[in-house]
């Protein structure tokens, strides 16, 4: 029953835990589980993907005195936000199996 309800990645009450020898992926919008060996560089990966880009962008904004609320930069920020939303939506669609697609098409 656990495998049927939670799938191959999760287990436990309300499918709240990853299976043995796996953990939640970094930057996973839908909290996917993966093998632990991929997390061996955990804190380094976090610094490189979260703290470093944020610091660089902040310093760039402060030194160049950019304004995100007017001009072409506003359109660029909006475009990036839309692409992020579409990327998450397409990621959810890519998880649909062929039989589910067939069932949707029949309806």
C-alpha atoms as a PDB file:
ATOM      1  CA  UNK A   1       0.000   0.000   0.000  1.00  0.00           C
ATOM      2  CA  UNK A   2       2.870   2.347   0.792  1.00  0.00           C
ATOM      3  CA  UNK A   3       4.371   1.903  -2.681  1.00  0.00           C
ATOM      4  CA  UNK A   4       0.984   2.399  -4.322  1.00  0.00           C
ATOM      5  CA  UNK A   5       0.125   5.584  -2.415  1.00  0.00           C
ATOM      6  CA  UNK A   6       3.538   7.246  -2.125  1.00  0.00           C
ATOM      7  CA  UNK A   7       5.319   6.046  -5.246  1.00  0.00           C
ATOM      8  CA  UNK A   8       8.904   4.859  -5.398  1.00  0.00           C
ATOM      9  CA  UNK A   9      10.502   7.941  -3.816  1.00  0.00           C
ATOM     10  CA  UNK A  10       8.543   8.482  -0.568  1.00  0.00           C
ATOM     11  CA  UNK A  11       7.278   6.585   2.467  1.00  0.00           C
ATOM     12  CA  UNK A  12       5.713   7.171   5.874  1.00  0.00           C
ATOM     13  CA  UNK A  13       2.643   8.952   7.168  1.00  0.00           C
ATOM     14  CA  UNK A  14       1.247  11.176   4.392  1.00  0.00           C
ATOM     15  CA  UNK A  15       4.316  10.237   2.313  1.00  0.00           C
ATOM     16  CA  UNK A  16       6.345  12.721   4.352  1.00  0.00           C
ATOM     17  CA  UNK A  17       9.729  10.954   4.344  1.00  0.00           C
ATOM     18  CA  UNK A  18      12.117   9.948   1.617  1.00  0.00           C
ATOM     19  CA  UNK A  19      12.975   6.274   1.323  1.00  0.00           C
ATOM     20  CA  UNK A  20      16.083   4.886   2.998  1.00  0.00           C
ATOM     21  CA  UNK A  21      19.409   6.243   1.670  1.00  0.00           C
ATOM     22  CA  UNK A  22      17.743   9.189  -0.036  1.00  0.00           C
ATOM     23  CA  UNK A  23      16.936  12.806   0.776  1.00  0.00           C
ATOM     24  CA  UNK A  24      15.134  15.788  -0.742  1.00  0.00           C
ATOM     25  CA  UNK A  25      16.911  17.403  -3.721  1.00  0.00           C
ATOM     26  CA  UNK A  26      18.115  20.985  -3.426  1.00  0.00           C
ATOM     27  CA  UNK A  27      16.073  23.434  -5.508  1.00  0.00           C
ATOM     28  CA  UNK A  28      13.274  20.923  -5.963  1.00  0.00           C
ATOM     29  CA  UNK A  29      10.001  22.802  -6.290  1.00  0.00           C
ATOM     30  CA  UNK A  30       7.974  19.655  -5.654  1.00  0.00           C
ATOM     31  CA  UNK A  31      10.318  18.127  -3.013  1.00  0.00           C
ATOM     32  CA  UNK A  32      11.595  15.161  -5.005  1.00  0.00           C
ATOM     33  CA  UNK A  33      13.779  12.613  -3.268  1.00  0.00           C
ATOM     34  CA  UNK A  34      17.092  11.385  -4.615  1.00  0.00           C
ATOM     35  CA  UNK A  35      20.101   9.309  -3.591  1.00  0.00           C
ATOM     36  CA  UNK A  36      22.208  10.577  -0.688  1.00  0.00           C
ATOM     37  CA  UNK A  37      25.469  10.421  -2.624  1.00  0.00           C
ATOM     38  CA  UNK A  38      24.280  13.393  -4.681  1.00  0.00           C
ATOM     39  CA  UNK A  39      24.241  15.482  -1.482  1.00  0.00           C
ATOM     40  CA  UNK A  40      27.883  14.961  -0.539  1.00  0.00           C
ATOM     41  CA  UNK A  41      28.711  18.609  -1.330  1.00  0.00           C
ATOM     42  CA  UNK A  42      25.665  19.946   0.559  1.00  0.00           C
ATOM     43  CA  UNK A  43      26.908  23.155   2.183  1.00  0.00           C
ATOM     44  CA  UNK A  44      29.266  23.981  -0.695  1.00  0.00           C
ATOM     45  CA  UNK A  45      26.429  23.491  -3.188  1.00  0.00           C
ATOM     46  CA  UNK A  46      24.194  25.746  -1.108  1.00  0.00           C
ATOM     47  CA  UNK A  47      26.799  28.505  -0.944  1.00  0.00           C
ATOM     48  CA  UNK A  48      27.531  28.364  -4.680  1.00  0.00           C
ATOM     49  CA  UNK A  49      23.878  28.245  -5.779  1.00  0.00           C
ATOM     50  CA  UNK A  50      22.218  30.479  -3.176  1.00  0.00           C
ATOM     51  CA  UNK A  51      24.538  32.812  -1.311  1.00  0.00           C
ATOM     52  CA  UNK A  52      27.081  33.643  -4.004  1.00  0.00           C
ATOM     53  CA  UNK A  53      24.589  34.661  -6.753  1.00  0.00           C
ATOM     54  CA  UNK A  54      22.497  36.642  -4.279  1.00  0.00           C
ATOM     55  CA  UNK A  55      25.558  38.515  -3.040  1.00  0.00           C
ATOM     56  CA  UNK A  56      26.763  39.240  -6.582  1.00  0.00           C
ATOM     57  CA  UNK A  57      23.349  40.543  -7.658  1.00  0.00           C
ATOM     58  CA  UNK A  58      23.049  42.660  -4.522  1.00  0.00           C
ATOM     59  CA  UNK A  59      26.507  44.185  -5.051  1.00  0.00           C
ATOM     60  CA  UNK A  60      25.714  44.819  -8.713  1.00  0.00           C
ATOM     61  CA  UNK A  61      22.493  46.619  -7.802  1.00  0.00           C
ATOM     62  CA  UNK A  62      24.246  48.710  -5.169  1.00  0.00           C
ATOM     63  CA  UNK A  63      27.259  49.693  -7.307  1.00  0.00           C
ATOM     64  CA  UNK A  64      25.386  50.414 -10.556  1.00  0.00           C
ATOM     65  CA  UNK A  65      22.374  51.941  -8.769  1.00  0.00           C
ATOM     66  CA  UNK A  66      19.813  49.921 -10.760  1.00  0.00           C
ATOM     67  CA  UNK A  67      16.075  50.379 -10.430  1.00  0.00           C
ATOM     68  CA  UNK A  68      13.813  47.371 -11.000  1.00  0.00           C
ATOM     69  CA  UNK A  69      10.607  49.387 -11.054  1.00  0.00           C
ATOM     70  CA  UNK A  70      11.108  51.283 -14.308  1.00  0.00           C
ATOM     71  CA  UNK A  71      12.613  50.840 -17.737  1.00  0.00           C
ATOM     72  CA  UNK A  72      13.649  47.733 -19.628  1.00  0.00           C
ATOM     73  CA  UNK A  73      14.900  46.025 -16.481  1.00  0.00           C
ATOM     74  CA  UNK A  74      11.327  45.778 -15.211  1.00  0.00           C
ATOM     75  CA  UNK A  75      10.350  43.801 -18.340  1.00  0.00           C
ATOM     76  CA  UNK A  76      13.366  41.535 -17.927  1.00  0.00           C
ATOM     77  CA  UNK A  77      12.490  40.748 -14.303  1.00  0.00           C
ATOM     78  CA  UNK A  78       8.870  40.049 -15.285  1.00  0.00           C
ATOM     79  CA  UNK A  79      10.014  37.732 -18.091  1.00  0.00           C
ATOM     80  CA  UNK A  80      12.277  35.812 -15.692  1.00  0.00           C
ATOM     81  CA  UNK A  81       9.420  35.369 -13.231  1.00  0.00           C
ATOM     82  CA  UNK A  82       7.093  34.071 -15.960  1.00  0.00           C
ATOM     83  CA  UNK A  83       9.748  31.629 -17.202  1.00  0.00           C
ATOM     84  CA  UNK A  84      10.177  30.312 -13.665  1.00  0.00           C
ATOM     85  CA  UNK A  85       6.444  29.713 -13.299  1.00  0.00           C
ATOM     86  CA  UNK A  86       6.253  28.036 -16.711  1.00  0.00           C
ATOM     87  CA  UNK A  87       9.268  25.880 -15.906  1.00  0.00           C
ATOM     88  CA  UNK A  88       7.605  24.615 -12.724  1.00  0.00           C
ATOM     89  CA  UNK A  89       4.348  23.965 -14.584  1.00  0.00           C
ATOM     90  CA  UNK A  90       6.112  22.068 -17.373  1.00  0.00           C
ATOM     91  CA  UNK A  91       8.043  20.043 -14.798  1.00  0.00           C
ATOM     92  CA  UNK A  92       4.742  18.924 -13.283  1.00  0.00           C
ATOM     93  CA  UNK A  93       3.367  18.052 -16.739  1.00  0.00           C
ATOM     94  CA  UNK A  94       6.455  15.997 -17.607  1.00  0.00           C
ATOM     95  CA  UNK A  95       5.686  13.688 -14.674  1.00  0.00           C
ATOM     96  CA  UNK A  96       2.402  12.559 -16.253  1.00  0.00           C
ATOM     97  CA  UNK A  97       2.564   9.018 -17.623  1.00  0.00           C
ATOM     98  CA  UNK A  98       1.387   7.968 -21.077  1.00  0.00           C
ATOM     99  CA  UNK A  99      -1.680   6.192 -19.657  1.00  0.00           C
ATOM    100  CA  UNK A 100      -2.693   9.333 -17.776  1.00  0.00           C
ATOM    101  CA  UNK A 101      -2.353  11.378 -20.964  1.00  0.00           C
ATOM    102  CA  UNK A 102      -4.478   8.849 -22.843  1.00  0.00           C
ATOM    103  CA  UNK A 103      -7.153   8.992 -20.124  1.00  0.00           C
ATOM    104  CA  UNK A 104      -7.192  12.790 -20.309  1.00  0.00           C
ATOM    105  CA  UNK A 105      -7.428  12.735 -24.110  1.00  0.00           C
ATOM    106  CA  UNK A 106     -10.356  10.302 -24.020  1.00  0.00           C
ATOM    107  CA  UNK A 107     -12.341  12.537 -21.663  1.00  0.00           C
END
